[in-house]
Structure formats: structure tokens, C-alpha cells
Amino acid sequence: MLQLKTILVPTDCSVHSKISLRYAARLATEFGASVTLLYVEKQAEQKKENTISVMSEYSRNCEGQKNLKNFLESEDSPGSEFNLVVLEGEVVSEIINYTKNKVVDLIVMSSHGYKGLAYSMKGSITEKVTRYANCPVLCLKNEGQHFIK
């Protein structure tokens, strides 16, 4: 029997991520699972003077939390409560490490659907997470048929 207790939704808070939020909310309702939204901020980049932009962890976390809250408010997800987690680092590594450190039954991610040169230059975060995750990953195409609206 299929049991889902924890669902992880890594998000960049883009329009493309809304489909994964809808699926996770629906699955959480069906299975009585909890949903964690994970937002990964890239590490501070070095400036020209070889100094690192200093921003307190608290400030970064507040900015990330604000992004996640705005993202949730933009999507109507009745009946679902979400845990909001903000991490800093390389996106794929942080998602994989999170699933290793916490019990996660399913990762729900959307794919931007890049092709050709854009894909080869940028790579696919969803593809890398699918390859290295230690739990199942539900990969959703933004265009095409969906069974949850």
C-alpha cells in the first residue's frame, strides 16, 4: 500500500513551480501528508574587490521566507499547510542533502522544459535531482496533460 507522509517541493517561486505546488497539495490532502516547500538561495558571489557580500543568515532566511509566503499567497491551495524551509548553497546539492537528513517520501518538481542550447548551457536541476535523489521524484512537465488542475 502506498503511504506518503512527507512531500518535498523544491521551488524557485516561479510560475513554472505552481504546478508542483498544486500536485503536492492534492497528494497531501489525499494521503494526509505534510508538505515542505524548499527554497534554495545561491551562495553570495564574490565582488570585484574580492570581498564577499555579507548578509546575515537571519536576513537571508527572512528574504527567502518572504519569497515563499508570496509564492503561496499567489496560488490558492485550500486545506493544505506548508512547512517553509530556506537554505543557502548550490541548488541540487542542498535538495539532495535535505532528503538525506530528513525523512522525505516523495519529491514533487516541475520542469521548465528547456531544449537545445538553453538546456545544454543551463542543465536541468530536475533531471539532476531525479538522478541523485534517494526517494521517488514526481517530475511534472509544465505543458501537456495534467490529471490535477
C-alpha atoms as a PDB file:
ATOM      1  CA  MET A   1       0.000   0.000   0.000  1.00  0.00           C
ATOM      2  CA  LEU A   2       1.273   3.432  -0.915  1.00  0.00           C
ATOM      3  CA  GLN A   3       1.962   5.673   2.057  1.00  0.00           C
ATOM      4  CA  LEU A   4       3.063   9.270   1.786  1.00  0.00           C
ATOM      5  CA  LYS A   5       3.854  11.102   4.979  1.00  0.00           C
ATOM      6  CA  THR A   6       6.237  13.794   3.771  1.00  0.00           C
ATOM      7  CA  ILE A   7       6.343  15.554   0.415  1.00  0.00           C
ATOM      8  CA  LEU A   8       9.146  17.904  -0.558  1.00  0.00           C
ATOM      9  CA  VAL A   9       8.555  20.628  -3.141  1.00  0.00           C
ATOM     10  CA  PRO A  10      11.779  22.380  -4.128  1.00  0.00           C
ATOM     11  CA  THR A  11      10.809  25.691  -5.701  1.00  0.00           C
ATOM     12  CA  ASP A  12      12.332  28.750  -7.281  1.00  0.00           C
ATOM     13  CA  CYS A  13       8.987  30.536  -6.736  1.00  0.00           C
ATOM     14  CA  SER A  14       8.469  30.847 -10.489  1.00  0.00           C
ATOM     15  CA  VAL A  15       5.244  30.424 -12.426  1.00  0.00           C
ATOM     16  CA  HIS A  16       6.534  27.007 -13.528  1.00  0.00           C
ATOM     17  CA  SER A  17       6.665  25.842  -9.907  1.00  0.00           C
ATOM     18  CA  LYS A  18       2.962  26.362  -9.334  1.00  0.00           C
ATOM     19  CA  ILE A  19       2.014  23.066 -10.970  1.00  0.00           C
ATOM     20  CA  SER A  20       4.202  21.153  -8.495  1.00  0.00           C
ATOM     21  CA  LEU A  21       2.592  23.054  -5.616  1.00  0.00           C
ATOM     22  CA  ARG A  22      -0.885  22.033  -6.836  1.00  0.00           C
ATOM     23  CA  TYR A  23       0.099  18.372  -7.141  1.00  0.00           C
ATOM     24  CA  ALA A  24       1.764  18.323  -3.727  1.00  0.00           C
ATOM     25  CA  ALA A  25      -1.234  19.982  -2.056  1.00  0.00           C
ATOM     26  CA  ARG A  26      -3.614  17.486  -3.630  1.00  0.00           C
ATOM     27  CA  LEU A  27      -1.461  14.474  -2.759  1.00  0.00           C
ATOM     28  CA  ALA A  28      -1.071  15.774   0.809  1.00  0.00           C
ATOM     29  CA  THR A  29      -4.842  16.015   1.140  1.00  0.00           C
ATOM     30  CA  GLU A  30      -5.367  12.517  -0.274  1.00  0.00           C
ATOM     31  CA  PHE A  31      -2.708  10.857   1.897  1.00  0.00           C
ATOM     32  CA  GLY A  32      -2.719  13.078   4.989  1.00  0.00           C
ATOM     33  CA  ALA A  33       0.895  14.013   4.296  1.00  0.00           C
ATOM     34  CA  SER A  34       2.848  17.103   5.236  1.00  0.00           C
ATOM     35  CA  VAL A  35       4.343  19.330   2.544  1.00  0.00           C
ATOM     36  CA  THR A  36       7.646  21.163   2.817  1.00  0.00           C
ATOM     37  CA  LEU A  37       8.448  23.947   0.386  1.00  0.00           C
ATOM     38  CA  LEU A  38      12.202  24.253  -0.044  1.00  0.00           C
ATOM     39  CA  TYR A  39      13.746  27.435  -1.427  1.00  0.00           C
ATOM     40  CA  VAL A  40      17.492  27.415  -2.029  1.00  0.00           C
ATOM     41  CA  GLU A  41      19.273  30.739  -2.298  1.00  0.00           C
ATOM     42  CA  LYS A  42      22.518  30.726  -4.196  1.00  0.00           C
ATOM     43  CA  GLN A  43      25.605  31.496  -2.144  1.00  0.00           C
ATOM     44  CA  ALA A  44      26.820  35.076  -2.128  1.00  0.00           C
ATOM     45  CA  GLU A  45      29.033  35.730  -5.115  1.00  0.00           C
ATOM     46  CA  GLN A  46      32.391  37.434  -4.827  1.00  0.00           C
ATOM     47  CA  LYS A  47      32.504  41.081  -5.781  1.00  0.00           C
ATOM     48  CA  LYS A  48      35.206  42.634  -7.959  1.00  0.00           C
ATOM     49  CA  GLU A  49      37.195  43.764  -4.925  1.00  0.00           C
ATOM     50  CA  ASN A  50      37.459  40.093  -3.840  1.00  0.00           C
ATOM     51  CA  THR A  51      35.201  40.734  -0.891  1.00  0.00           C
ATOM     52  CA  ILE A  52      32.174  38.654  -0.202  1.00  0.00           C
ATOM     53  CA  SER A  53      28.800  40.278   0.051  1.00  0.00           C
ATOM     54  CA  VAL A  54      27.914  39.888   3.699  1.00  0.00           C
ATOM     55  CA  MET A  55      24.324  39.346   4.599  1.00  0.00           C
ATOM     56  CA  SER A  56      23.352  37.793   7.876  1.00  0.00           C
ATOM     57  CA  GLU A  57      21.846  34.333   7.796  1.00  0.00           C
ATOM     58  CA  TYR A  58      18.794  35.784   9.516  1.00  0.00           C
ATOM     59  CA  SER A  59      18.314  38.376   6.760  1.00  0.00           C
ATOM     60  CA  ARG A  60      18.684  35.789   4.007  1.00  0.00           C
ATOM     61  CA  ASN A  61      16.263  33.468   5.734  1.00  0.00           C
ATOM     62  CA  CYS A  62      13.727  36.308   6.107  1.00  0.00           C
ATOM     63  CA  GLU A  63      14.030  37.159   2.390  1.00  0.00           C
ATOM     64  CA  GLY A  64      13.591  33.518   1.423  1.00  0.00           C
ATOM     65  CA  GLN A  65      10.637  33.097   3.783  1.00  0.00           C
ATOM     66  CA  LYS A  66       9.060  36.217   2.274  1.00  0.00           C
ATOM     67  CA  ASN A  67       9.538  34.793  -1.240  1.00  0.00           C
ATOM     68  CA  LEU A  68       7.918  31.511  -0.204  1.00  0.00           C
ATOM     69  CA  LYS A  69       4.979  33.238   1.506  1.00  0.00           C
ATOM     70  CA  ASN A  70       4.363  35.438  -1.547  1.00  0.00           C
ATOM     71  CA  PHE A  71       4.538  32.344  -3.743  1.00  0.00           C
ATOM     72  CA  LEU A  72       1.988  30.523  -1.583  1.00  0.00           C
ATOM     73  CA  GLU A  73      -0.344  33.517  -1.500  1.00  0.00           C
ATOM     74  CA  SER A  74      -0.295  33.699  -5.287  1.00  0.00           C
ATOM     75  CA  GLU A  75      -1.648  30.153  -5.519  1.00  0.00           C
ATOM     76  CA  ASP A  76      -4.918  29.065  -3.965  1.00  0.00           C
ATOM     77  CA  SER A  77      -4.131  25.876  -2.005  1.00  0.00           C
ATOM     78  CA  PRO A  78      -7.025  25.347   0.381  1.00  0.00           C
ATOM     79  CA  GLY A  79      -6.764  22.812   3.138  1.00  0.00           C
ATOM     80  CA  SER A  80      -3.007  22.418   2.980  1.00  0.00           C
ATOM     81  CA  GLU A  81      -0.426  23.598   5.442  1.00  0.00           C
ATOM     82  CA  PHE A  82       3.128  24.005   4.280  1.00  0.00           C
ATOM     83  CA  ASN A  83       6.434  23.933   6.118  1.00  0.00           C
ATOM     84  CA  LEU A  84       8.725  26.604   4.703  1.00  0.00           C
ATOM     85  CA  VAL A  85      12.471  25.907   4.570  1.00  0.00           C
ATOM     86  CA  VAL A  86      15.148  28.241   3.213  1.00  0.00           C
ATOM     87  CA  LEU A  87      18.682  27.022   2.602  1.00  0.00           C
ATOM     88  CA  GLU A  88      21.735  28.602   1.027  1.00  0.00           C
ATOM     89  CA  GLY A  89      24.073  26.863  -1.363  1.00  0.00           C
ATOM     90  CA  GLU A  90      24.155  25.003  -4.652  1.00  0.00           C
ATOM     91  CA  VAL A  91      20.564  24.079  -5.512  1.00  0.00           C
ATOM     92  CA  VAL A  92      20.892  20.392  -6.429  1.00  0.00           C
ATOM     93  CA  SER A  93      23.285  19.620  -3.560  1.00  0.00           C
ATOM     94  CA  GLU A  94      21.045  21.298  -0.991  1.00  0.00           C
ATOM     95  CA  ILE A  95      17.944  19.441  -2.208  1.00  0.00           C
ATOM     96  CA  ILE A  96      19.751  16.081  -2.128  1.00  0.00           C
ATOM     97  CA  ASN A  97      21.304  16.778   1.276  1.00  0.00           C
ATOM     98  CA  TYR A  98      17.912  17.793   2.664  1.00  0.00           C
ATOM     99  CA  THR A  99      16.421  14.447   1.614  1.00  0.00           C
ATOM    100  CA  LYS A 100      19.334  12.617   3.219  1.00  0.00           C
ATOM    101  CA  ASN A 101      18.959  14.497   6.516  1.00  0.00           C
ATOM    102  CA  LYS A 102      15.155  14.440   6.721  1.00  0.00           C
ATOM    103  CA  VAL A 103      12.635  11.725   6.003  1.00  0.00           C
ATOM    104  CA  VAL A 104      11.129  12.521   2.599  1.00  0.00           C
ATOM    105  CA  ASP A 105       8.782  10.082   0.868  1.00  0.00           C
ATOM    106  CA  LEU A 106       8.349  11.987  -2.399  1.00  0.00           C
ATOM    107  CA  ILE A 107       9.849  14.980  -4.181  1.00  0.00           C
ATOM    108  CA  VAL A 108       7.485  16.873  -6.486  1.00  0.00           C
ATOM    109  CA  MET A 109       9.184  19.137  -9.038  1.00  0.00           C
ATOM    110  CA  SER A 110       8.239  20.846 -12.245  1.00  0.00           C
ATOM    111  CA  SER A 111      10.420  21.022 -15.292  1.00  0.00           C
ATOM    112  CA  HIS A 112      10.898  24.262 -17.188  1.00  0.00           C
ATOM    113  CA  GLY A 113      11.182  22.274 -20.394  1.00  0.00           C
ATOM    114  CA  TYR A 114      14.367  23.806 -21.761  1.00  0.00           C
ATOM    115  CA  LYS A 115      15.606  22.321 -25.021  1.00  0.00           C
ATOM    116  CA  GLY A 116      18.641  22.594 -27.232  1.00  0.00           C
ATOM    117  CA  LEU A 117      21.305  25.146 -26.381  1.00  0.00           C
ATOM    118  CA  ALA A 118      19.445  26.577 -23.381  1.00  0.00           C
ATOM    119  CA  TYR A 119      19.285  23.069 -21.884  1.00  0.00           C
ATOM    120  CA  SER A 120      22.922  22.223 -22.559  1.00  0.00           C
ATOM    121  CA  MET A 121      24.108  25.548 -21.113  1.00  0.00           C
ATOM    122  CA  LYS A 122      21.895  25.606 -18.040  1.00  0.00           C
ATOM    123  CA  GLY A 123      21.378  21.911 -17.420  1.00  0.00           C
ATOM    124  CA  SER A 124      18.346  20.576 -15.661  1.00  0.00           C
ATOM    125  CA  ILE A 125      18.009  20.811 -11.894  1.00  0.00           C
ATOM    126  CA  THR A 126      15.026  18.471 -12.052  1.00  0.00           C
ATOM    127  CA  GLU A 127      16.995  15.895 -14.029  1.00  0.00           C
ATOM    128  CA  LYS A 128      19.927  16.020 -11.594  1.00  0.00           C
ATOM    129  CA  VAL A 129      17.659  15.703  -8.561  1.00  0.00           C
ATOM    130  CA  THR A 130      15.908  12.754 -10.214  1.00  0.00           C
ATOM    131  CA  ARG A 131      19.259  11.099 -10.843  1.00  0.00           C
ATOM    132  CA  TYR A 132      20.679  11.527  -7.318  1.00  0.00           C
ATOM    133  CA  ALA A 133      17.652  11.552  -5.002  1.00  0.00           C
ATOM    134  CA  ASN A 134      17.241   8.724  -2.526  1.00  0.00           C
ATOM    135  CA  CYS A 135      13.436   8.800  -2.843  1.00  0.00           C
ATOM    136  CA  PRO A 136      10.942   8.886  -5.732  1.00  0.00           C
ATOM    137  CA  VAL A 137      10.666  12.114  -7.736  1.00  0.00           C
ATOM    138  CA  LEU A 138       7.481  13.166  -9.495  1.00  0.00           C
ATOM    139  CA  CYS A 139       8.616  15.312 -12.428  1.00  0.00           C
ATOM    140  CA  LEU A 140       5.877  17.449 -13.941  1.00  0.00           C
ATOM    141  CA  LYS A 141       6.027  18.981 -17.395  1.00  0.00           C
ATOM    142  CA  ASN A 142       4.557  22.468 -17.448  1.00  0.00           C
ATOM    143  CA  GLU A 143       2.953  21.959 -20.816  1.00  0.00           C
ATOM    144  CA  GLY A 144       0.820  18.999 -21.662  1.00  0.00           C
ATOM    145  CA  GLN A 145      -1.779  16.911 -19.938  1.00  0.00           C
ATOM    146  CA  HIS A 146      -2.273  17.024 -16.161  1.00  0.00           C
ATOM    147  CA  PHE A 147      -4.632  14.994 -14.013  1.00  0.00           C
ATOM    148  CA  ILE A 148      -4.717  17.633 -11.254  1.00  0.00           C
ATOM    149  CA  LYS A 149      -5.913  21.119 -12.140  1.00  0.00           C
END
